[in-house]
């Protein structure tokens, strides 16, 4: 799977995966998860959404 990727700085603790202007995955914004650096989306879920978008666009 090949995608053009751009990494942009965000707010501390922010992690979003954006495709064509649409957020497809984001880190939980709950306080405890921010403080413990947890709550990131599962990579399997992100890859599944990317595959789904790839099929829709082709």
N, C-alpha and C. Protein backbone atom coordinates (compact mmCIF):
# COMPACT_ATOMS: atom_id res chain seq x y z
N UNK A 1 0.85 -1.16 0.00
CA UNK A 1 0.00 0.00 0.00
C UNK A 1 0.90 1.23 0.00
N UNK A 2 0.74 2.11 -0.96
CA UNK A 2 1.55 3.32 -1.06
C UNK A 2 0.65 4.55 -0.99
N UNK A 3 1.05 5.49 -0.14
CA UNK A 3 0.33 6.75 0.01
C UNK A 3 1.34 7.88 0.15
N UNK A 4 0.99 9.03 -0.37
CA UNK A 4 1.79 10.22 -0.11
C UNK A 4 1.44 10.69 1.29
N UNK A 5 2.46 10.96 2.09
CA UNK A 5 2.25 11.31 3.49
C UNK A 5 2.86 12.67 3.79
N UNK A 6 2.14 13.46 4.55
CA UNK A 6 2.63 14.74 5.03
C UNK A 6 2.47 14.74 6.54
N UNK A 7 3.55 15.03 7.24
CA UNK A 7 3.48 15.13 8.69
C UNK A 7 3.48 16.61 9.05
N UNK A 8 2.46 17.01 9.80
CA UNK A 8 2.33 18.40 10.21
C UNK A 8 2.28 18.49 11.72
N UNK A 9 2.93 19.51 12.28
CA UNK A 9 2.87 19.66 13.74
C UNK A 9 1.46 20.03 14.18
N UNK A 10 1.12 19.55 15.35
CA UNK A 10 -0.18 19.86 15.93
C UNK A 10 -0.01 20.28 17.37
N UNK A 11 -1.09 20.25 18.09
CA UNK A 11 -1.04 20.58 19.50
C UNK A 11 -0.39 19.43 20.26
N UNK A 12 0.19 19.69 21.44
CA UNK A 12 0.75 18.59 22.22
C UNK A 12 -0.29 17.50 22.48
N UNK A 13 0.07 16.26 22.21
CA UNK A 13 -0.83 15.14 22.42
C UNK A 13 -1.79 14.88 21.28
N UNK A 14 -1.76 15.71 20.25
CA UNK A 14 -2.68 15.54 19.12
C UNK A 14 -2.12 14.52 18.15
N UNK A 15 -3.00 13.65 17.64
CA UNK A 15 -2.63 12.69 16.61
C UNK A 15 -3.86 12.43 15.77
N UNK A 16 -3.84 12.90 14.54
CA UNK A 16 -4.96 12.71 13.61
C UNK A 16 -4.43 12.16 12.30
N UNK A 17 -5.20 11.28 11.69
CA UNK A 17 -4.91 10.81 10.34
C UNK A 17 -5.98 11.42 9.45
N UNK A 18 -5.54 12.26 8.51
CA UNK A 18 -6.46 13.00 7.65
C UNK A 18 -6.21 12.58 6.21
N UNK A 19 -7.28 12.21 5.51
CA UNK A 19 -7.20 11.84 4.11
C UNK A 19 -8.17 12.73 3.34
N UNK A 20 -7.63 13.45 2.36
CA UNK A 20 -8.45 14.36 1.55
C UNK A 20 -9.31 15.27 2.41
N UNK A 21 -8.74 15.80 3.49
CA UNK A 21 -9.44 16.74 4.35
C UNK A 21 -10.39 16.12 5.36
N UNK A 22 -10.49 14.80 5.37
CA UNK A 22 -11.39 14.10 6.29
C UNK A 22 -10.59 13.34 7.35
N UNK A 23 -10.94 13.55 8.62
CA UNK A 23 -10.27 12.83 9.70
C UNK A 23 -10.79 11.40 9.71
N UNK A 24 -9.88 10.44 9.49
CA UNK A 24 -10.31 9.03 9.48
C UNK A 24 -9.92 8.31 10.76
N UNK A 25 -8.99 8.90 11.52
CA UNK A 25 -8.59 8.32 12.80
C UNK A 25 -8.01 9.43 13.67
N UNK A 26 -8.22 9.32 14.96
CA UNK A 26 -7.72 10.32 15.87
C UNK A 26 -7.38 9.69 17.22
N UNK A 27 -6.48 10.32 17.92
CA UNK A 27 -6.13 9.87 19.27
C UNK A 27 -7.22 10.34 20.21
N UNK A 28 -7.53 9.51 21.18
CA UNK A 28 -8.52 9.87 22.18
C UNK A 28 -8.11 11.17 22.86
N UNK A 29 -9.08 12.01 23.14
CA UNK A 29 -8.81 13.30 23.76
C UNK A 29 -9.13 13.30 25.25
N UNK A 30 -9.32 12.11 25.83
CA UNK A 30 -9.61 12.02 27.26
C UNK A 30 -8.36 12.38 28.05
N UNK A 31 -8.54 13.08 29.16
CA UNK A 31 -7.43 13.59 29.95
C UNK A 31 -6.46 12.49 30.39
N UNK A 32 -6.97 11.39 30.93
CA UNK A 32 -6.09 10.32 31.41
C UNK A 32 -5.23 9.77 30.28
N UNK A 33 -5.83 9.61 29.11
CA UNK A 33 -5.07 9.07 27.97
C UNK A 33 -4.05 10.08 27.47
N UNK A 34 -4.36 11.36 27.57
CA UNK A 34 -3.38 12.38 27.20
C UNK A 34 -2.17 12.31 28.13
N UNK A 35 -2.45 12.17 29.41
CA UNK A 35 -1.38 12.17 30.41
C UNK A 35 -0.52 10.91 30.36
N UNK A 36 -1.09 9.79 29.90
CA UNK A 36 -0.36 8.52 29.87
C UNK A 36 0.10 8.13 28.46
N UNK A 37 -0.06 9.03 27.50
CA UNK A 37 0.36 8.80 26.11
C UNK A 37 -0.26 7.52 25.53
N UNK A 38 -1.52 7.29 25.85
CA UNK A 38 -2.25 6.15 25.30
C UNK A 38 -3.44 6.69 24.51
N UNK A 39 -4.25 5.79 23.96
CA UNK A 39 -5.44 6.20 23.24
C UNK A 39 -5.26 6.39 21.75
N UNK A 40 -4.08 5.98 21.25
CA UNK A 40 -3.86 6.09 19.81
C UNK A 40 -4.76 5.10 19.07
N UNK A 41 -5.17 5.43 17.83
CA UNK A 41 -5.97 4.48 17.06
C UNK A 41 -5.12 3.24 16.74
N UNK A 42 -5.78 2.10 16.65
CA UNK A 42 -5.07 0.86 16.30
C UNK A 42 -4.67 0.93 14.84
N UNK A 43 -3.42 0.53 14.57
CA UNK A 43 -2.94 0.63 13.19
C UNK A 43 -3.76 -0.22 12.23
N UNK A 44 -4.32 -1.34 12.72
CA UNK A 44 -5.16 -2.17 11.86
C UNK A 44 -6.41 -1.41 11.41
N UNK A 45 -6.98 -0.62 12.32
CA UNK A 45 -8.18 0.17 12.00
C UNK A 45 -7.86 1.25 10.98
N UNK A 46 -6.70 1.90 11.15
CA UNK A 46 -6.30 2.95 10.21
C UNK A 46 -6.07 2.35 8.83
N UNK A 47 -5.36 1.24 8.77
CA UNK A 47 -5.10 0.59 7.48
C UNK A 47 -6.38 0.13 6.80
N UNK A 48 -7.34 -0.39 7.58
CA UNK A 48 -8.62 -0.83 7.02
C UNK A 48 -9.37 0.36 6.42
N UNK A 49 -9.36 1.49 7.10
CA UNK A 49 -10.03 2.68 6.56
C UNK A 49 -9.34 3.18 5.30
N UNK A 50 -8.00 3.12 5.28
CA UNK A 50 -7.27 3.53 4.08
C UNK A 50 -7.59 2.62 2.89
N UNK A 51 -7.65 1.31 3.15
CA UNK A 51 -8.01 0.37 2.09
C UNK A 51 -9.41 0.64 1.56
N UNK A 52 -10.32 0.93 2.47
CA UNK A 52 -11.70 1.22 2.10
C UNK A 52 -11.77 2.47 1.21
N UNK A 53 -11.05 3.51 1.60
CA UNK A 53 -11.01 4.74 0.81
C UNK A 53 -10.37 4.50 -0.55
N UNK A 54 -9.34 3.67 -0.58
CA UNK A 54 -8.66 3.36 -1.84
C UNK A 54 -9.61 2.67 -2.82
N UNK A 55 -10.44 1.75 -2.31
CA UNK A 55 -11.42 1.04 -3.15
C UNK A 55 -12.47 2.00 -3.69
N UNK A 56 -12.92 2.93 -2.87
CA UNK A 56 -13.95 3.89 -3.26
C UNK A 56 -13.43 4.80 -4.37
N UNK A 57 -12.15 5.17 -4.30
CA UNK A 57 -11.58 6.10 -5.26
C UNK A 57 -11.19 5.44 -6.57
N UNK A 58 -11.08 4.12 -6.60
CA UNK A 58 -10.66 3.47 -7.84
C UNK A 58 -11.82 3.00 -8.67
